[in-house]
Amino acid sequence: MNSSVIIAEARGKCKNLVAKIPRDILSISVLILASSASFGLGYLAGQEGSVTPLDSPPTALSTVSSTTGQFVASKNGTKYYLPSCAGVDRISEANKVWFVSSNAAETAGYAPAANCKGI
């Protein structure tokens, strides 16, 4: 059989099938299907922004005491500070991560705090 004959037969069968379904039911079915697909795709697109990354938060390269010249950051944050900066007061002791140098803090994924002078 020729492929054009097969296509013509399939088209004829589809027309016969669609002709048996009332037009209102067909229209409503297509509308429900399109709405469901749109909602599902929108829901999935919204989920992409709320996915939690699999990598763990930055960790300290070296834990040291809080003496002058050291740097501190929060386990939950992205910035590091000098111990004398005001931002350090807002970090709980349990979440403080100490670094021996600014390079160590940056290597661990932290950036210098813009409001902390001296960094």
C-alpha atoms as a PDB file:
ATOM      1  CA  MET A   1       0.000   0.000   0.000  1.00  0.00           C
ATOM      2  CA  ASN A   2       1.041   3.521  -0.723  1.00  0.00           C
ATOM      3  CA  SER A   3       1.659   5.822   2.282  1.00  0.00           C
ATOM      4  CA  SER A   4      -0.759   8.418   0.900  1.00  0.00           C
ATOM      5  CA  VAL A   5      -3.505   5.771   0.832  1.00  0.00           C
ATOM      6  CA  ILE A   6      -2.801   4.830   4.468  1.00  0.00           C
ATOM      7  CA  ILE A   7      -2.890   8.489   5.499  1.00  0.00           C
ATOM      8  CA  ALA A   8      -6.167   9.011   3.607  1.00  0.00           C
ATOM      9  CA  GLU A   9      -7.714   5.998   5.344  1.00  0.00           C
ATOM     10  CA  ALA A  10      -6.568   7.226   8.784  1.00  0.00           C
ATOM     11  CA  ARG A  11      -7.963  10.695   8.044  1.00  0.00           C
ATOM     12  CA  GLY A  12     -11.295   9.169   7.025  1.00  0.00           C
ATOM     13  CA  LYS A  13     -11.486   7.077  10.197  1.00  0.00           C
ATOM     14  CA  CYS A  14     -10.729  10.148  12.354  1.00  0.00           C
ATOM     15  CA  LYS A  15     -13.425  12.187  10.582  1.00  0.00           C
ATOM     16  CA  ASN A  16     -15.948   9.414  11.141  1.00  0.00           C
ATOM     17  CA  LEU A  17     -15.014   9.155  14.822  1.00  0.00           C
ATOM     18  CA  VAL A  18     -15.193  12.917  15.381  1.00  0.00           C
ATOM     19  CA  ALA A  19     -18.485  13.124  13.473  1.00  0.00           C
ATOM     20  CA  LYS A  20     -20.084  10.714  15.971  1.00  0.00           C
ATOM     21  CA  ILE A  21     -19.151  12.950  18.962  1.00  0.00           C
ATOM     22  CA  PRO A  22     -21.445  15.947  19.544  1.00  0.00           C
ATOM     23  CA  ARG A  23     -19.676  19.231  18.783  1.00  0.00           C
ATOM     24  CA  ASP A  24     -20.341  20.702  22.260  1.00  0.00           C
ATOM     25  CA  ILE A  25     -18.786  17.726  24.033  1.00  0.00           C
ATOM     26  CA  LEU A  26     -15.786  17.804  21.723  1.00  0.00           C
ATOM     27  CA  SER A  27     -15.265  21.540  22.331  1.00  0.00           C
ATOM     28  CA  ILE A  28     -15.556  21.179  26.101  1.00  0.00           C
ATOM     29  CA  SER A  29     -13.176  18.205  26.091  1.00  0.00           C
ATOM     30  CA  VAL A  30     -10.545  20.142  24.131  1.00  0.00           C
ATOM     31  CA  LEU A  31     -10.968  23.151  26.454  1.00  0.00           C
ATOM     32  CA  ILE A  32     -10.559  21.008  29.599  1.00  0.00           C
ATOM     33  CA  LEU A  33      -7.533  19.227  28.160  1.00  0.00           C
ATOM     34  CA  ALA A  34      -5.839  22.503  27.160  1.00  0.00           C
ATOM     35  CA  SER A  35      -6.605  24.091  30.551  1.00  0.00           C
ATOM     36  CA  SER A  36      -5.233  21.120  32.452  1.00  0.00           C
ATOM     37  CA  ALA A  37      -2.056  21.073  30.380  1.00  0.00           C
ATOM     38  CA  SER A  38      -1.552  24.828  30.872  1.00  0.00           C
ATOM     39  CA  PHE A  39      -2.074  24.573  34.615  1.00  0.00           C
ATOM     40  CA  GLY A  40       0.313  21.629  34.907  1.00  0.00           C
ATOM     41  CA  LEU A  41       3.047  23.334  32.923  1.00  0.00           C
ATOM     42  CA  GLY A  42       2.631  26.545  34.918  1.00  0.00           C
ATOM     43  CA  TYR A  43       2.800  24.628  38.174  1.00  0.00           C
ATOM     44  CA  LEU A  44       5.990  22.857  37.085  1.00  0.00           C
ATOM     45  CA  ALA A  45       7.564  26.131  35.955  1.00  0.00           C
ATOM     46  CA  GLY A  46       6.806  27.668  39.352  1.00  0.00           C
ATOM     47  CA  GLN A  47       8.426  24.728  41.120  1.00  0.00           C
ATOM     48  CA  GLU A  48      11.776  25.316  39.418  1.00  0.00           C
ATOM     49  CA  GLY A  49      12.404  28.502  41.393  1.00  0.00           C
ATOM     50  CA  SER A  50      11.669  26.879  44.750  1.00  0.00           C
ATOM     51  CA  VAL A  51      13.882  23.829  44.377  1.00  0.00           C
ATOM     52  CA  THR A  52      16.394  23.501  47.207  1.00  0.00           C
ATOM     53  CA  PRO A  53      19.918  23.034  45.917  1.00  0.00           C
ATOM     54  CA  LEU A  54      21.518  19.700  46.739  1.00  0.00           C
ATOM     55  CA  ASP A  55      24.855  21.144  47.780  1.00  0.00           C
ATOM     56  CA  SER A  56      25.351  21.941  51.447  1.00  0.00           C
ATOM     57  CA  PRO A  57      25.962  25.450  52.792  1.00  0.00           C
ATOM     58  CA  PRO A  58      29.544  26.712  52.851  1.00  0.00           C
ATOM     59  CA  THR A  59      31.641  25.400  55.695  1.00  0.00           C
ATOM     60  CA  ALA A  60      34.643  26.876  57.413  1.00  0.00           C
ATOM     61  CA  LEU A  61      38.092  25.879  56.231  1.00  0.00           C
ATOM     62  CA  SER A  62      39.427  26.427  59.706  1.00  0.00           C
ATOM     63  CA  THR A  63      37.682  27.028  63.012  1.00  0.00           C
ATOM     64  CA  VAL A  64      39.599  29.483  65.194  1.00  0.00           C
ATOM     65  CA  SER A  65      38.975  31.756  68.123  1.00  0.00           C
ATOM     66  CA  SER A  66      37.386  35.178  67.616  1.00  0.00           C
ATOM     67  CA  THR A  67      40.431  37.408  67.852  1.00  0.00           C
ATOM     68  CA  THR A  68      41.106  40.613  65.933  1.00  0.00           C
ATOM     69  CA  GLY A  69      42.085  40.005  62.327  1.00  0.00           C
ATOM     70  CA  GLN A  70      39.828  36.960  61.976  1.00  0.00           C
ATOM     71  CA  PHE A  71      36.700  36.838  59.818  1.00  0.00           C
ATOM     72  CA  VAL A  72      33.267  35.514  60.699  1.00  0.00           C
ATOM     73  CA  ALA A  73      30.202  34.500  58.672  1.00  0.00           C
ATOM     74  CA  SER A  74      26.866  32.827  59.262  1.00  0.00           C
ATOM     75  CA  LYS A  75      26.249  29.218  58.203  1.00  0.00           C
ATOM     76  CA  ASN A  76      22.985  30.463  56.676  1.00  0.00           C
ATOM     77  CA  GLY A  77      24.392  33.609  55.034  1.00  0.00           C
ATOM     78  CA  THR A  78      26.518  34.579  52.072  1.00  0.00           C
ATOM     79  CA  LYS A  79      28.642  37.424  53.532  1.00  0.00           C
ATOM     80  CA  TYR A  80      31.636  37.476  55.886  1.00  0.00           C
ATOM     81  CA  TYR A  81      32.529  40.185  58.424  1.00  0.00           C
ATOM     82  CA  LEU A  82      35.242  41.398  60.737  1.00  0.00           C
ATOM     83  CA  PRO A  83      34.349  40.545  64.361  1.00  0.00           C
ATOM     84  CA  SER A  84      33.993  44.276  65.088  1.00  0.00           C
ATOM     85  CA  CYS A  85      31.267  44.822  62.452  1.00  0.00           C
ATOM     86  CA  ALA A  86      27.675  45.401  63.498  1.00  0.00           C
ATOM     87  CA  GLY A  87      26.382  42.523  61.362  1.00  0.00           C
ATOM     88  CA  VAL A  88      28.158  39.995  63.583  1.00  0.00           C
ATOM     89  CA  ASP A  89      25.794  40.805  66.477  1.00  0.00           C
ATOM     90  CA  ARG A  90      22.878  39.402  64.463  1.00  0.00           C
ATOM     91  CA  ILE A  91      24.557  36.002  63.973  1.00  0.00           C
ATOM     92  CA  SER A  92      23.797  33.461  66.696  1.00  0.00           C
ATOM     93  CA  GLU A  93      26.792  31.739  68.254  1.00  0.00           C
ATOM     94  CA  ALA A  94      25.614  28.379  66.919  1.00  0.00           C
ATOM     95  CA  ASN A  95      25.650  29.697  63.327  1.00  0.00           C
ATOM     96  CA  LYS A  96      29.007  31.514  63.424  1.00  0.00           C
ATOM     97  CA  VAL A  97      31.712  30.204  61.115  1.00  0.00           C
ATOM     98  CA  TRP A  98      35.233  31.559  61.644  1.00  0.00           C
ATOM     99  CA  PHE A  99      37.960  31.986  59.032  1.00  0.00           C
ATOM    100  CA  VAL A 100      41.673  32.681  59.357  1.00  0.00           C
ATOM    101  CA  SER A 101      41.714  34.947  56.282  1.00  0.00           C
ATOM    102  CA  SER A 102      39.445  36.673  53.798  1.00  0.00           C
ATOM    103  CA  ASN A 103      40.756  34.268  51.140  1.00  0.00           C
ATOM    104  CA  ALA A 104      39.579  31.312  53.220  1.00  0.00           C
ATOM    105  CA  ALA A 105      36.111  32.872  53.563  1.00  0.00           C
ATOM    106  CA  GLU A 106      35.888  33.569  49.822  1.00  0.00           C
ATOM    107  CA  THR A 107      37.089  30.071  48.977  1.00  0.00           C
ATOM    108  CA  ALA A 108      34.251  28.705  51.131  1.00  0.00           C
ATOM    109  CA  GLY A 109      31.760  30.698  49.036  1.00  0.00           C
ATOM    110  CA  TYR A 110      31.277  33.858  51.113  1.00  0.00           C
ATOM    111  CA  ALA A 111      31.582  37.421  49.828  1.00  0.00           C
ATOM    112  CA  PRO A 112      32.701  40.469  51.851  1.00  0.00           C
ATOM    113  CA  ALA A 113      29.898  42.410  53.535  1.00  0.00           C
ATOM    114  CA  ALA A 114      29.449  45.827  51.920  1.00  0.00           C
ATOM    115  CA  ASN A 115      28.542  47.497  55.224  1.00  0.00           C
ATOM    116  CA  CYS A 116      31.646  46.276  57.072  1.00  0.00           C
ATOM    117  CA  LYS A 117      34.528  48.731  56.777  1.00  0.00           C
ATOM    118  CA  GLY A 118      38.013  47.257  56.719  1.00  0.00           C
ATOM    119  CA  ILE A 119      37.352  44.258  54.545  1.00  0.00           C
END
